Amino acid sequence: MGRQPRLDRQQQHFFEASYSGYTGIDDYESRIGSVEDGFIDYSPPSGGPPRYSGGLYYPWAWDNRQDAFDVAMSTYADDFLGGDHDFKFGVGYATGEAEIQISPGVEGRYLYRYVYTYDYDYYGTIYSYDYEYFYRVTADAYFYGAENETISAYIDDSWRVTEKLTFNVGVRFDQINSDVPAYPRLDRFGNETGEIIPGIDNRIDWSHFSPRIGFAYQTGQNGVLRGFYGKFYDSNVTGNWKAPPPSPPIFFYEISDSLDGPWEPLYTFDYGEPLLDPNLQPPETDQFTLGYEHRLSRTTTLGIQGVYKETKNLIGWEILDDGVYEMLPWVNPITGEVQPIASIIEQPTTRKGNRPGDGSLAPPGQDFEQEYKGASVVLNKRYADGWDMMASYTWSDSSGFLATPLAQDQGNPAFTIQDGRDPNNWINAEQALQNQRRHAVQIQSNLDLPWNLLGTLVYRYLSGKPYNRQVNAGVFSSQFPLNQGAQHVIAVPASEATRFPDQNVLDLSLGRIFEAGPTTIQIDLQLFNVFNNDAHDSWQTLIVAPGDSYYPRAYVLPRRLGLRLGVRF
């Protein structure tokens, strides 16, 4: 078949200008003005998961905004440099800020309770002893936040080489700068003291290019082969590095045998002045995809695609090799394996960086990184003969050494998280990623029914996410207590052997559309989770002693019926 005639587009140009922005105000504060201490009972009398009562635990108020301006121009060039080109040029400017006022409790303190049971053998007789104690934590409220500015430019070219082959080529440039503003110092109750804490200028100064290239090649009359490579950088997620702020408050820990005291000083926790690796890099991903799509009939296509992604330079806590440790033999209570554990004699320097650091117990030279491999098959039938359907199956494998190895979820900003500041947090930290779904099946279909009714079916099957098993190492142990206090240690890394239940969910809908002159009314009766699947996606805590039970949370919502009304005019 010869080349089809087209309109002459050589002189066509398009100009676009846009603005977008938002302002957000969010808070977690008492709606009744409660000033009661927050209380977490880690050993409730009736057993089970930890229980929370009293006032708010870590209340906060978060204000944020962003403004973005973008300008773009498109132009077409026919028969230019060996083909037809669709060029697009663009520049952008964005600025934003976010600040959080946070407190350890409504009045700058919170409490929690532990009970430890000791079994000991006295001349052949087993005795048990329960030791109950309470912690009180007190600290001043404080601000932390950041201001951000981004300048970007890009160029894209859709290059049609022949009737069957098209290349898409582009490159993007970003210049990112970010500061920590000056904030007033607060007292324990969140009141300003009159002192201003100086900010930090040029906290982040990143410049980077992001190239990408893709192609589409028509094979025969019914197939298309597609491939793509691209390098992507994270935007400046300030929540990963803006805490601790300059001159952060000191946390005072006290212990007592009674909730009413008297309280004895136990230790203090000092965030320290904020430190950043001077060579901190933005997280970056190299992505490769290759896929083939084939038209089976006039309305149906079948596609298969493979994806490989490699991500590095994630941001988390880095521990420098300037501390003094006593290395002790730790017996993993779940596996029985003997591993070295660090009791800190002199605290190492910690800062935000792209690696756990030489002062951690991670493998030497280890960086924060993750790898994803996936393949998917998609069957797509567009609407014809009264029905349509999209069905897909995806296989995934993802693993790595994340900056937040103790978390149950993946991809959330670090904010004030302290996991990773102790060298023992990095024991067994290489594992399957927290959000990995080994198998995923999704089907969605719409069907015309008698009496102008419309039926909809949505089905999904998801493998359970993996999780790791953690223990509190150094808790009044006969082997040791750690000098720095008890620390979370991964006893069993996340893998195929430790997964949450699979999810098997079916949703159905039956609706009808009514025409009333220029107005269209649609009514849908919806039945969600027909199978009443009760799978869960997380535990109350990953720190469970050998032989004790996990307690689930974040369940799939149960079977329920809904009525939806829509009006168009």
Protein backbone atom coordinates (compact mmCIF):
# COMPACT_ATOMS: atom_id res chain seq x y z
CA MET A 1 0.00 0.00 0.00
CA GLY A 2 1.39 3.41 -0.94
CA ARG A 3 1.77 6.36 1.34
CA GLN A 4 -1.56 8.06 2.09
CA PRO A 5 -1.93 11.78 1.28
CA ARG A 6 -2.13 14.11 4.28
CA LEU A 7 -2.86 17.74 4.81
CA ASP A 8 0.20 19.97 4.56
CA ARG A 9 1.03 20.82 8.20
CA GLN A 10 4.37 22.54 7.64
CA GLN A 11 3.11 25.92 8.82
CA GLN A 12 1.02 24.74 11.76
CA HIS A 13 2.09 25.86 15.24
CA PHE A 14 0.36 25.57 18.60
CA PHE A 15 1.07 27.60 21.71
CA GLU A 16 -0.05 26.60 25.23
CA ALA A 17 0.20 28.37 28.57
CA SER A 18 -1.11 27.03 31.86
CA TYR A 19 -1.13 27.65 35.59
CA SER A 20 -1.88 25.18 38.34
CA GLY A 21 -1.73 25.48 42.06
CA TYR A 22 -3.12 24.33 45.35
CA THR A 23 -3.20 25.20 49.01
CA GLY A 24 -3.64 22.52 51.63
CA ILE A 25 -4.40 22.77 55.34
CA ASP A 26 -4.48 19.54 57.30
CA ASP A 27 -4.20 18.80 60.98
CA TYR A 28 -4.45 16.11 63.61
CA GLU A 29 -5.66 17.99 66.66
CA SER A 30 -8.20 17.37 69.40
CA ARG A 31 -11.70 18.51 68.37
CA ILE A 32 -12.79 18.80 72.00
CA GLY A 33 -9.71 20.55 73.36
CA SER A 34 -8.48 17.52 75.32
CA VAL A 35 -5.16 17.99 77.14
CA GLU A 36 -5.02 14.43 78.49
CA ASP A 37 -1.78 12.53 77.95
CA GLY A 38 -1.76 10.04 75.11
CA PHE A 39 -1.32 6.51 76.46
CA ILE A 40 -0.28 3.36 74.58
CA ASP A 41 -0.64 0.06 76.43
CA TYR A 42 1.70 -2.45 74.82
CA SER A 43 0.63 -5.16 77.28
CA PRO A 44 -3.14 -4.83 77.76
CA PRO A 45 -4.50 -7.01 80.62
CA SER A 46 -6.71 -9.02 78.26
CA GLY A 47 -3.91 -9.58 75.77
CA GLY A 48 -4.05 -8.77 72.08
CA PRO A 49 -2.59 -5.85 70.12
CA PRO A 50 -1.44 -2.56 71.68
CA ARG A 51 -4.28 -0.29 72.81
CA TYR A 52 -4.41 3.46 72.59
CA SER A 53 -6.33 5.78 74.91
CA GLY A 54 -6.23 9.29 76.33
CA GLY A 55 -5.38 12.43 74.37
CA LEU A 56 -3.71 12.68 70.99
CA TYR A 57 -0.38 10.98 70.36
CA TYR A 58 1.84 13.27 68.23
CA PRO A 59 -0.69 15.93 67.13
CA TRP A 60 0.33 18.05 64.15
CA ALA A 61 -0.79 20.86 61.83
CA TRP A 62 0.39 20.81 58.20
CA ASP A 63 0.16 23.74 55.77
CA ASN A 64 1.39 23.46 52.19
CA ARG A 65 1.03 25.19 48.84
CA GLN A 66 2.36 25.04 45.28
CA ASP A 67 2.18 27.27 42.21
CA ALA A 68 3.29 26.09 38.77
CA PHE A 69 3.50 27.92 35.43
CA ASP A 70 4.08 26.10 32.12
CA VAL A 71 4.50 27.30 28.55
CA ALA A 72 4.75 24.97 25.53
CA MET A 73 4.87 25.25 21.75
CA SER A 74 4.25 22.50 19.17
CA THR A 75 5.26 22.63 15.54
CA TYR A 76 5.07 20.17 12.66
CA ALA A 77 7.74 19.61 10.01
CA ASP A 78 6.88 17.37 7.05
CA ASP A 79 9.61 15.76 4.95
CA PHE A 80 12.36 17.13 7.19
CA LEU A 81 15.60 15.26 8.02
CA GLY A 82 14.41 11.97 6.60
CA GLY A 83 10.84 11.94 7.83
CA ASP A 84 7.96 13.84 9.41
CA HIS A 85 8.48 15.44 12.82
CA ASP A 86 6.14 16.66 15.53
CA PHE A 87 8.27 18.85 17.81
CA LYS A 88 7.20 20.12 21.23
CA PHE A 89 9.19 22.58 23.35
CA GLY A 90 8.30 23.60 26.87
CA VAL A 91 9.53 25.47 29.93
CA GLY A 92 8.14 25.52 33.44
CA TYR A 93 8.56 27.22 36.77
CA ALA A 94 7.20 25.96 40.09
CA THR A 95 7.50 27.12 43.66
CA GLY A 96 6.06 25.70 46.84
CA GLU A 97 6.43 25.39 50.57
CA ALA A 98 5.28 23.11 53.37
CA GLU A 99 5.54 23.53 57.11
CA ILE A 100 4.45 21.33 59.99
CA GLN A 101 4.02 22.16 63.64
CA ILE A 102 4.37 18.96 65.62
CA SER A 103 4.34 18.00 69.27
CA PRO A 104 5.08 14.74 71.14
CA GLY A 105 1.63 15.07 72.75
CA VAL A 106 -1.16 17.55 73.32
CA GLU A 107 0.88 19.08 76.15
CA GLY A 108 4.25 17.88 74.94
CA ARG A 109 4.28 14.41 76.49
CA TYR A 110 2.93 10.88 76.12
CA LEU A 111 3.02 7.65 78.11
CA TYR A 112 3.28 3.95 77.44
CA ARG A 113 3.23 0.72 79.43
CA TYR A 114 5.11 -2.56 79.07
CA VAL A 115 4.91 -5.87 80.92
CA TYR A 116 7.72 -8.38 80.55
CA THR A 117 7.34 -11.96 81.75
CA TYR A 118 10.42 -13.82 82.95
CA ASP A 119 10.52 -17.61 83.25
CA TYR A 120 13.42 -19.03 85.23
CA ASP A 121 14.45 -22.46 86.51
CA TYR A 122 15.15 -22.67 90.27
CA TYR A 123 16.47 -26.16 91.10
CA GLY A 124 14.19 -27.81 88.57
CA THR A 125 11.10 -25.68 89.29
CA ILE A 126 9.93 -23.10 86.69
CA TYR A 127 8.92 -19.72 88.12
CA SER A 128 7.35 -16.79 86.25
CA TYR A 129 7.70 -13.16 87.16
CA ASP A 130 5.93 -10.21 85.55
CA TYR A 131 7.75 -6.90 85.52
CA GLU A 132 5.51 -3.92 84.74
CA TYR A 133 6.87 -0.46 84.06
CA PHE A 134 5.81 2.83 82.45
CA TYR A 135 7.60 5.31 80.19
CA ARG A 136 6.96 9.06 80.03
CA VAL A 137 8.32 11.06 77.11
CA THR A 138 8.43 14.86 77.22
CA ALA A 139 9.66 17.41 74.66
CA ASP A 140 8.96 20.87 73.28
CA ALA A 141 6.77 21.36 70.24
CA TYR A 142 8.57 22.47 67.08
CA PHE A 143 8.26 23.52 63.44
CA TYR A 144 9.91 21.91 60.47
CA GLY A 145 9.50 22.57 56.76
CA ALA A 146 11.03 23.59 53.44
CA GLU A 147 10.66 25.99 50.51
CA ASN A 148 11.17 24.66 47.01
CA GLU A 149 11.83 26.15 43.55
CA THR A 150 12.05 24.25 40.24
CA ILE A 151 12.93 25.49 36.74
CA SER A 152 12.49 22.99 33.91
CA ALA A 153 12.71 22.76 30.12
CA TYR A 154 12.08 19.92 27.70
CA ILE A 155 11.97 19.00 24.03
CA ASP A 156 10.12 16.05 22.46
CA ASP A 157 10.10 14.81 18.89
CA SER A 158 7.72 12.29 17.37
CA TRP A 159 9.68 11.27 14.28
CA ARG A 160 7.79 9.30 11.65
CA VAL A 161 10.55 7.62 9.67
CA THR A 162 8.32 5.48 7.44
CA GLU A 163 4.70 4.43 7.33
CA LYS A 164 5.60 1.56 9.68
CA LEU A 165 8.28 3.03 11.96
CA THR A 166 8.00 5.95 14.40
CA PHE A 167 10.54 7.12 16.98
CA ASN A 168 9.75 9.24 20.03
CA VAL A 169 12.80 11.05 21.37
CA GLY A 170 12.98 13.59 24.19
CA VAL A 171 15.09 15.11 26.92
CA ARG A 172 14.13 17.11 30.01
CA PHE A 173 16.22 19.40 32.19
CA ASP A 174 15.40 20.28 35.81
CA GLN A 175 17.09 22.73 38.17
CA ILE A 176 15.88 22.30 41.77
CA ASN A 177 16.72 24.47 44.78
CA SER A 178 15.32 24.17 48.28
CA ASP A 179 15.79 25.98 51.61
CA VAL A 180 14.80 25.43 55.21
CA PRO A 181 13.05 28.60 56.49
CA ALA A 182 13.65 30.26 59.84
CA TYR A 183 11.02 29.35 62.44
CA PRO A 184 10.14 30.58 65.95
CA ARG A 185 11.17 28.36 68.84
CA LEU A 186 8.18 26.83 70.67
CA ASP A 187 7.69 25.69 74.24
CA ARG A 188 6.16 22.39 75.35
CA PHE A 189 2.63 23.69 74.81
CA GLY A 190 3.29 25.07 71.29
CA ASN A 191 3.59 28.73 72.30
CA GLU A 192 6.24 30.94 70.72
CA THR A 193 9.13 31.80 73.06
CA GLY A 194 10.27 34.92 71.17
CA GLU A 195 13.42 33.25 69.82
CA ILE A 196 13.90 32.72 66.07
CA ILE A 197 15.85 29.66 64.87
CA PRO A 198 17.84 30.54 61.71
CA GLY A 199 17.06 28.54 58.58
CA ILE A 200 19.42 26.90 56.09
CA ASP A 201 19.82 28.24 52.54
CA ASN A 202 20.56 26.07 49.48
CA ARG A 203 19.78 22.87 51.33
CA ILE A 204 19.16 21.15 47.98
CA ASP A 205 20.82 22.16 44.68
CA TRP A 206 20.16 19.58 41.96
CA SER A 207 20.54 19.81 38.18
CA HIS A 208 19.89 16.84 35.93
CA PHE A 209 18.93 15.76 32.40
CA SER A 210 16.35 13.02 31.77
CA PRO A 211 16.64 11.42 28.29
CA ARG A 212 14.13 8.99 26.82
CA ILE A 213 13.62 7.20 23.53
CA GLY A 214 10.89 4.92 22.23
CA PHE A 215 9.79 3.31 19.01
CA ALA A 216 6.72 1.74 17.45
CA TYR A 217 7.04 -0.61 14.47
CA GLN A 218 4.10 -2.06 12.59
CA THR A 219 4.56 -5.77 11.81
CA GLY A 220 2.29 -6.91 9.02
CA GLN A 221 -1.27 -5.64 8.99
CA ASN A 222 -2.28 -6.49 12.57
CA GLY A 223 0.70 -6.14 14.90
CA VAL A 224 2.73 -3.38 16.54
CA LEU A 225 6.07 -3.83 18.33
CA ARG A 226 6.93 -1.14 20.90
CA GLY A 227 10.03 -0.44 22.97
CA PHE A 228 11.06 2.28 25.37
CA TYR A 229 13.96 3.45 27.53
CA GLY A 230 13.79 6.41 29.89
CA LYS A 231 15.63 7.88 32.85
CA PHE A 232 13.42 9.43 35.52
CA TYR A 233 14.29 11.48 38.59
CA ASP A 234 12.09 11.99 41.62
CA SER A 235 10.86 15.48 42.20
CA ASN A 236 12.18 17.09 45.36
CA VAL A 237 10.21 15.25 48.06
CA THR A 238 11.16 17.54 50.94
CA GLY A 239 9.61 15.19 53.50
CA ASN A 240 12.58 12.85 52.96
CA TRP A 241 15.19 15.27 54.29
CA LYS A 242 13.70 18.34 56.01
CA ALA A 243 13.57 16.66 59.44
CA PRO A 244 15.18 17.08 61.87
CA PRO A 245 15.02 20.89 61.66
CA PRO A 246 17.74 23.26 62.88
CA SER A 247 18.05 23.26 66.70
CA PRO A 248 15.46 20.51 67.29
CA PRO A 249 14.11 19.88 70.81
CA ILE A 250 15.56 17.26 73.15
CA PHE A 251 13.29 14.36 74.16
CA PHE A 252 13.39 13.33 77.84
CA TYR A 253 12.56 9.70 78.69
CA GLU A 254 11.57 8.78 82.25
CA ILE A 255 10.60 5.46 83.83
CA SER A 256 8.35 4.50 86.76
CA ASP A 257 6.72 1.47 88.36
CA SER A 258 3.44 3.41 88.52
CA LEU A 259 1.52 5.58 86.11
CA ASP A 260 1.32 8.16 88.92
CA GLY A 261 5.11 8.26 89.40
CA PRO A 262 7.51 9.08 90.86
CA TRP A 263 9.41 9.34 87.55
CA GLU A 264 13.13 8.68 87.27
CA PRO A 265 15.26 9.97 84.37
CA LEU A 266 16.21 7.14 82.01
CA TYR A 267 17.89 8.80 79.02
CA THR A 268 17.52 11.67 76.57
CA PHE A 269 17.21 11.64 72.80
CA ASP A 270 18.74 14.46 70.81
CA TYR A 271 17.94 14.61 67.09
CA GLY A 272 21.13 16.63 66.66
CA GLU A 273 21.65 19.37 64.12
CA PRO A 274 20.38 18.46 60.64
CA LEU A 275 23.12 16.97 58.47
CA LEU A 276 22.92 16.12 54.78
CA ASP A 277 25.44 14.30 52.64
CA PRO A 278 27.00 17.20 50.66
CA ASN A 279 26.84 14.95 47.58
CA LEU A 280 23.21 13.89 48.14
CA GLN A 281 21.67 12.82 44.83
CA PRO A 282 18.00 12.68 43.80
CA PRO A 283 16.50 9.18 43.45
CA GLU A 284 16.70 8.05 39.83
CA THR A 285 15.22 5.20 37.82
CA ASP A 286 16.22 3.58 34.54
CA GLN A 287 13.22 1.92 32.91
CA PHE A 288 13.09 -0.45 29.95
CA THR A 289 9.91 -1.80 28.34
CA LEU A 290 9.30 -4.04 25.34
CA GLY A 291 5.87 -5.06 24.17
CA TYR A 292 3.85 -6.45 21.30
CA GLU A 293 0.18 -5.85 20.51
CA HIS A 294 -1.80 -7.90 18.00
CA ARG A 295 -5.28 -7.29 16.62
CA LEU A 296 -7.25 -10.52 16.84
CA SER A 297 -10.42 -9.18 15.28
CA ARG A 298 -12.18 -5.95 14.41
CA THR A 299 -12.83 -5.23 18.12
CA THR A 300 -10.27 -7.28 20.04
CA THR A 301 -6.54 -6.89 20.70
CA LEU A 302 -4.07 -8.96 22.69
CA GLY A 303 -0.90 -7.41 24.10
CA ILE A 304 2.12 -8.59 26.08
CA GLN A 305 4.71 -6.34 27.72
CA GLY A 306 7.82 -6.77 29.81
CA VAL A 307 9.17 -4.10 32.19
CA TYR A 308 12.49 -3.77 33.95
CA LYS A 309 13.21 -0.89 36.37
CA GLU A 310 16.32 -0.17 38.36
CA THR A 311 16.19 2.57 40.99
CA LYS A 312 19.09 3.98 43.00
CA ASN A 313 19.95 6.95 45.22
CA LEU A 314 16.93 6.58 47.49
CA ILE A 315 17.15 8.90 50.50
CA GLY A 316 17.33 7.72 54.10
CA TRP A 317 19.53 7.69 57.20
CA GLU A 318 23.26 7.24 56.67
CA ILE A 319 25.49 6.24 59.60
CA LEU A 320 29.11 7.39 59.37
CA ASP A 321 32.01 5.25 60.52
CA ASP A 322 33.00 7.45 63.48
CA GLY A 323 31.20 5.68 66.34
CA VAL A 324 32.57 3.19 68.84
CA TYR A 325 30.72 -0.13 69.15
CA GLU A 326 30.97 -3.27 71.22
CA MET A 327 30.03 -6.15 68.93
CA LEU A 328 28.03 -8.83 70.73
CA PRO A 329 26.82 -12.27 69.57
CA TRP A 330 23.06 -12.00 69.11
CA VAL A 331 21.00 -15.18 68.82
CA ASN A 332 18.16 -14.60 66.37
CA PRO A 333 15.16 -15.79 68.42
CA ILE A 334 13.23 -16.91 65.33
CA THR A 335 15.90 -18.59 63.20
CA GLY A 336 18.40 -19.51 65.93
CA GLU A 337 21.20 -18.02 63.84
CA VAL A 338 23.98 -16.21 65.71
CA GLN A 339 24.63 -12.76 64.24
CA PRO A 340 26.75 -9.80 65.41
CA ILE A 341 24.85 -6.89 66.97
CA ALA A 342 26.23 -3.47 67.92
CA SER A 343 26.07 -1.97 71.41
CA ILE A 344 27.03 1.69 71.03
CA ILE A 345 29.82 3.03 73.27
CA GLU A 346 30.13 6.36 71.42
CA GLN A 347 27.34 7.53 69.12
CA PRO A 348 28.20 7.73 65.40
CA THR A 349 27.30 10.72 63.22
CA THR A 350 24.06 10.25 61.31
CA ARG A 351 22.81 12.25 58.34
CA LYS A 352 20.44 11.96 55.39
CA GLY A 353 22.15 10.24 52.46
CA ASN A 354 21.82 7.72 49.63
CA ARG A 355 23.29 4.74 51.54
CA PRO A 356 23.08 3.15 55.00
CA GLY A 357 26.73 4.04 55.57
CA ASP A 358 29.90 2.36 56.76
CA GLY A 359 28.77 2.69 60.39
CA SER A 360 25.72 0.49 59.79
CA LEU A 361 25.55 -3.29 59.82
CA ALA A 362 24.54 -3.34 56.16
CA PRO A 363 26.86 -5.13 53.71
CA PRO A 364 29.98 -3.04 52.91
CA GLY A 365 29.42 -0.52 50.11
CA GLN A 366 25.65 -1.06 50.10
CA ASP A 367 23.50 1.72 48.59
CA PHE A 368 19.75 2.26 48.82
CA GLU A 369 18.31 0.63 45.70
CA GLN A 370 15.45 -1.42 44.32
CA GLU A 371 14.80 -3.56 41.26
CA TYR A 372 11.52 -4.38 39.54
CA LYS A 373 10.82 -7.04 36.90
CA GLY A 374 7.34 -7.53 35.53
CA ALA A 375 5.37 -8.98 32.65
CA SER A 376 1.74 -8.44 31.73
CA VAL A 377 -0.78 -9.81 29.26
CA VAL A 378 -3.77 -7.63 28.34
CA LEU A 379 -6.88 -8.67 26.38
CA ASN A 380 -8.96 -5.67 25.32
CA LYS A 381 -12.33 -5.80 23.59
CA ARG A 382 -13.79 -2.43 22.74
CA TYR A 383 -17.52 -1.85 22.92
CA ALA A 384 -19.41 -3.73 20.21
CA ASP A 385 -22.42 -6.05 20.07
CA GLY A 386 -23.58 -4.78 23.46
CA TRP A 387 -20.50 -5.44 25.60
CA ASP A 388 -16.86 -4.60 26.24
CA MET A 389 -14.10 -6.07 28.38
CA MET A 390 -10.57 -5.42 29.55
CA ALA A 391 -8.73 -8.32 31.20
CA SER A 392 -5.13 -8.43 32.36
CA TYR A 393 -2.66 -10.63 34.22
CA THR A 394 0.56 -9.20 35.69
CA TRP A 395 3.51 -11.03 37.22
CA SER A 396 5.91 -8.94 39.32
CA ASP A 397 9.13 -9.39 41.22
CA SER A 398 10.62 -6.53 43.21
CA SER A 399 13.39 -6.55 45.77
CA GLY A 400 16.09 -4.29 47.08
CA PHE A 401 17.64 -2.42 49.97
CA LEU A 402 15.17 0.31 50.88
CA ALA A 403 15.76 3.40 53.01
CA THR A 404 12.80 2.39 55.23
CA PRO A 405 13.30 -1.36 55.75
CA LEU A 406 11.24 -1.51 58.98
CA ALA A 407 8.07 -0.01 57.46
CA GLN A 408 5.06 -2.04 56.30
CA ASP A 409 4.46 0.24 53.31
CA GLN A 410 6.70 1.59 50.61
CA GLY A 411 7.00 4.96 48.91
CA ASN A 412 5.87 7.23 51.77
CA PRO A 413 8.10 10.22 52.65
CA ALA A 414 10.34 9.67 55.66
CA PHE A 415 9.09 12.77 57.57
CA THR A 416 10.30 12.38 61.19
CA ILE A 417 10.95 8.62 61.01
CA GLN A 418 14.05 7.53 62.94
CA ASP A 419 14.26 3.94 61.66
CA GLY A 420 17.72 3.51 60.22
CA ARG A 421 19.64 5.72 62.68
CA ASP A 422 20.77 2.69 64.67
CA PRO A 423 23.30 0.35 63.00
CA ASN A 424 21.24 -2.72 63.95
CA ASN A 425 18.23 -1.53 61.94
CA TRP A 426 20.12 -2.64 58.82
CA ILE A 427 20.56 -6.30 59.81
CA ASN A 428 18.80 -8.52 57.21
CA ALA A 429 17.48 -5.40 55.43
CA GLU A 430 17.81 -6.72 51.86
CA GLN A 431 14.42 -8.22 51.10
CA ALA A 432 11.33 -8.31 48.92
CA LEU A 433 9.72 -4.88 48.63
CA GLN A 434 6.75 -4.17 50.88
CA ASN A 435 4.22 -3.45 48.09
CA GLN A 436 5.15 -6.37 45.85
CA ARG A 437 2.18 -8.25 44.35
CA ARG A 438 3.51 -11.43 42.77
CA HIS A 439 0.32 -12.08 40.78
CA ALA A 440 -2.46 -9.68 39.81
CA VAL A 441 -5.56 -10.44 37.73
CA GLN A 442 -8.06 -7.72 36.83
CA ILE A 443 -11.21 -7.95 34.71
CA GLN A 444 -13.66 -5.17 33.93
CA SER A 445 -16.68 -5.58 31.67
CA ASN A 446 -19.83 -3.65 30.75
CA LEU A 447 -22.89 -5.39 29.31
CA ASP A 448 -26.11 -4.06 27.81
CA LEU A 449 -29.13 -5.83 29.35
CA PRO A 450 -32.87 -5.87 28.54
CA TRP A 451 -35.05 -2.89 29.54
CA ASN A 452 -32.14 -0.48 28.90
CA LEU A 453 -30.24 -1.78 31.90
CA LEU A 454 -26.43 -1.70 32.06
CA GLY A 455 -24.46 -4.29 34.02
CA THR A 456 -20.88 -3.83 35.16
CA LEU A 457 -18.46 -6.40 36.55
CA VAL A 458 -15.11 -5.59 38.18
CA TYR A 459 -12.97 -8.44 39.48
CA ARG A 460 -9.46 -8.40 40.96
CA TYR A 461 -7.15 -10.98 42.42
CA LEU A 462 -4.00 -9.77 44.18
CA SER A 463 -1.28 -11.79 45.85
CA GLY A 464 -0.69 -10.78 49.45
CA LYS A 465 2.13 -8.33 50.11
CA PRO A 466 5.28 -9.66 51.81
CA TYR A 467 6.29 -8.54 55.29
CA ASN A 468 9.33 -9.00 57.51
CA ARG A 469 9.43 -10.29 61.10
CA GLN A 470 11.07 -7.98 63.63
CA VAL A 471 12.14 -8.29 67.24
CA ASN A 472 13.03 -5.79 69.93
CA ALA A 473 16.68 -6.68 70.53
CA GLY A 474 18.36 -5.71 73.80
CA VAL A 475 15.29 -5.63 76.06
CA PHE A 476 16.49 -6.57 79.57
CA SER A 477 18.19 -9.62 78.12
CA SER A 478 20.44 -11.95 80.09
CA GLN A 479 22.85 -11.69 77.14
CA PHE A 480 22.96 -7.93 77.22
CA PRO A 481 21.03 -4.87 77.19
CA LEU A 482 22.27 -2.59 74.40
CA ASN A 483 23.85 0.62 75.67
CA GLN A 484 21.60 2.66 73.36
CA GLY A 485 18.44 0.87 74.50
CA ALA A 486 16.27 -1.69 72.73
CA GLN A 487 16.37 -1.59 68.94
CA HIS A 488 14.21 -2.99 66.16
CA VAL A 489 16.00 -5.74 64.26
CA ILE A 490 14.74 -7.68 61.23
CA ALA A 491 14.86 -11.31 62.29
CA VAL A 492 13.32 -12.68 59.05
CA PRO A 493 13.43 -10.54 55.87
CA ALA A 494 10.31 -10.19 53.72
CA SER A 495 10.01 -13.00 51.16
CA GLU A 496 7.62 -15.50 49.59
CA ALA A 497 7.47 -17.26 52.97
CA THR A 498 5.91 -14.28 54.75
CA ARG A 499 2.95 -12.84 52.90
CA PHE A 500 -0.40 -11.38 53.85
CA PRO A 501 -3.54 -13.20 52.61
CA ASP A 502 -4.43 -12.97 48.92
CA GLN A 503 -7.27 -10.69 47.91
CA ASN A 504 -10.13 -12.04 45.79
CA VAL A 505 -12.73 -9.30 45.23
CA LEU A 506 -15.74 -9.07 42.90
CA ASP A 507 -17.88 -5.92 42.49
CA LEU A 508 -21.17 -5.84 40.53
CA SER A 509 -23.32 -2.95 39.38
CA LEU A 510 -26.74 -2.71 37.74
CA GLY A 511 -27.89 0.64 36.39
CA ARG A 512 -30.18 2.48 34.05
CA ILE A 513 -30.10 5.81 32.24
CA PHE A 514 -33.21 8.02 31.96
CA GLU A 515 -33.50 10.85 29.46
CA ALA A 516 -35.57 13.86 30.56
CA GLY A 517 -35.23 16.47 27.82
CA PRO A 518 -31.74 18.00 28.05
CA THR A 519 -31.12 16.18 31.37
CA THR A 520 -29.73 12.66 31.73
CA ILE A 521 -30.22 10.78 35.00
CA GLN A 522 -28.28 7.62 35.80
CA ILE A 523 -29.09 5.33 38.73
CA ASP A 524 -26.77 2.47 39.72
CA LEU A 525 -27.27 -0.22 42.35
CA GLN A 526 -23.80 -1.44 43.38
CA LEU A 527 -22.80 -4.56 45.31
CA PHE A 528 -19.21 -4.45 46.49
CA ASN A 529 -17.05 -7.41 47.58
CA VAL A 530 -19.56 -10.07 46.61
CA PHE A 531 -17.35 -12.82 48.08
CA ASN A 532 -17.05 -10.87 51.36
CA ASN A 533 -13.28 -11.34 51.23
CA ASP A 534 -11.71 -10.34 54.56
CA ALA A 535 -8.01 -10.20 53.65
CA HIS A 536 -5.79 -7.63 55.37
CA ASP A 537 -2.75 -5.65 54.25
CA SER A 538 -0.86 -4.96 57.48
CA TRP A 539 -0.28 -6.03 61.08
CA GLN A 540 -0.76 -3.92 64.18
CA THR A 541 3.00 -4.27 64.65
CA LEU A 542 5.78 -6.31 63.05
CA ILE A 543 7.53 -6.68 66.42
CA VAL A 544 6.21 -9.98 67.74
CA ALA A 545 8.04 -12.35 70.09
CA PRO A 546 8.48 -15.97 68.98
CA GLY A 547 5.29 -17.88 69.67
CA ASP A 548 3.13 -14.76 70.03
CA SER A 549 0.38 -13.86 67.57
CA TYR A 550 0.19 -11.13 64.97
CA TYR A 551 -2.92 -8.94 64.98
CA PRO A 552 -4.16 -7.69 61.59
CA ARG A 553 -5.40 -4.25 60.56
CA ALA A 554 -6.37 -2.47 57.29
CA TYR A 555 -8.89 -5.06 56.15
CA VAL A 556 -10.52 -5.16 52.74
CA LEU A 557 -13.90 -3.47 53.23
CA PRO A 558 -16.69 -6.06 53.76
CA ARG A 559 -19.64 -6.80 51.47
CA ARG A 560 -21.81 -3.71 51.14
CA LEU A 561 -24.57 -2.27 48.99
CA GLY A 562 -24.53 1.20 47.50
CA LEU A 563 -26.83 3.42 45.45
CA ARG A 564 -25.32 5.98 43.08
CA LEU A 565 -27.23 8.80 41.41
CA GLY A 566 -25.75 10.86 38.58
CA VAL A 567 -27.23 13.84 36.76
CA ARG A 568 -25.92 15.38 33.50
CA PHE A 569 -27.37 18.48 31.86
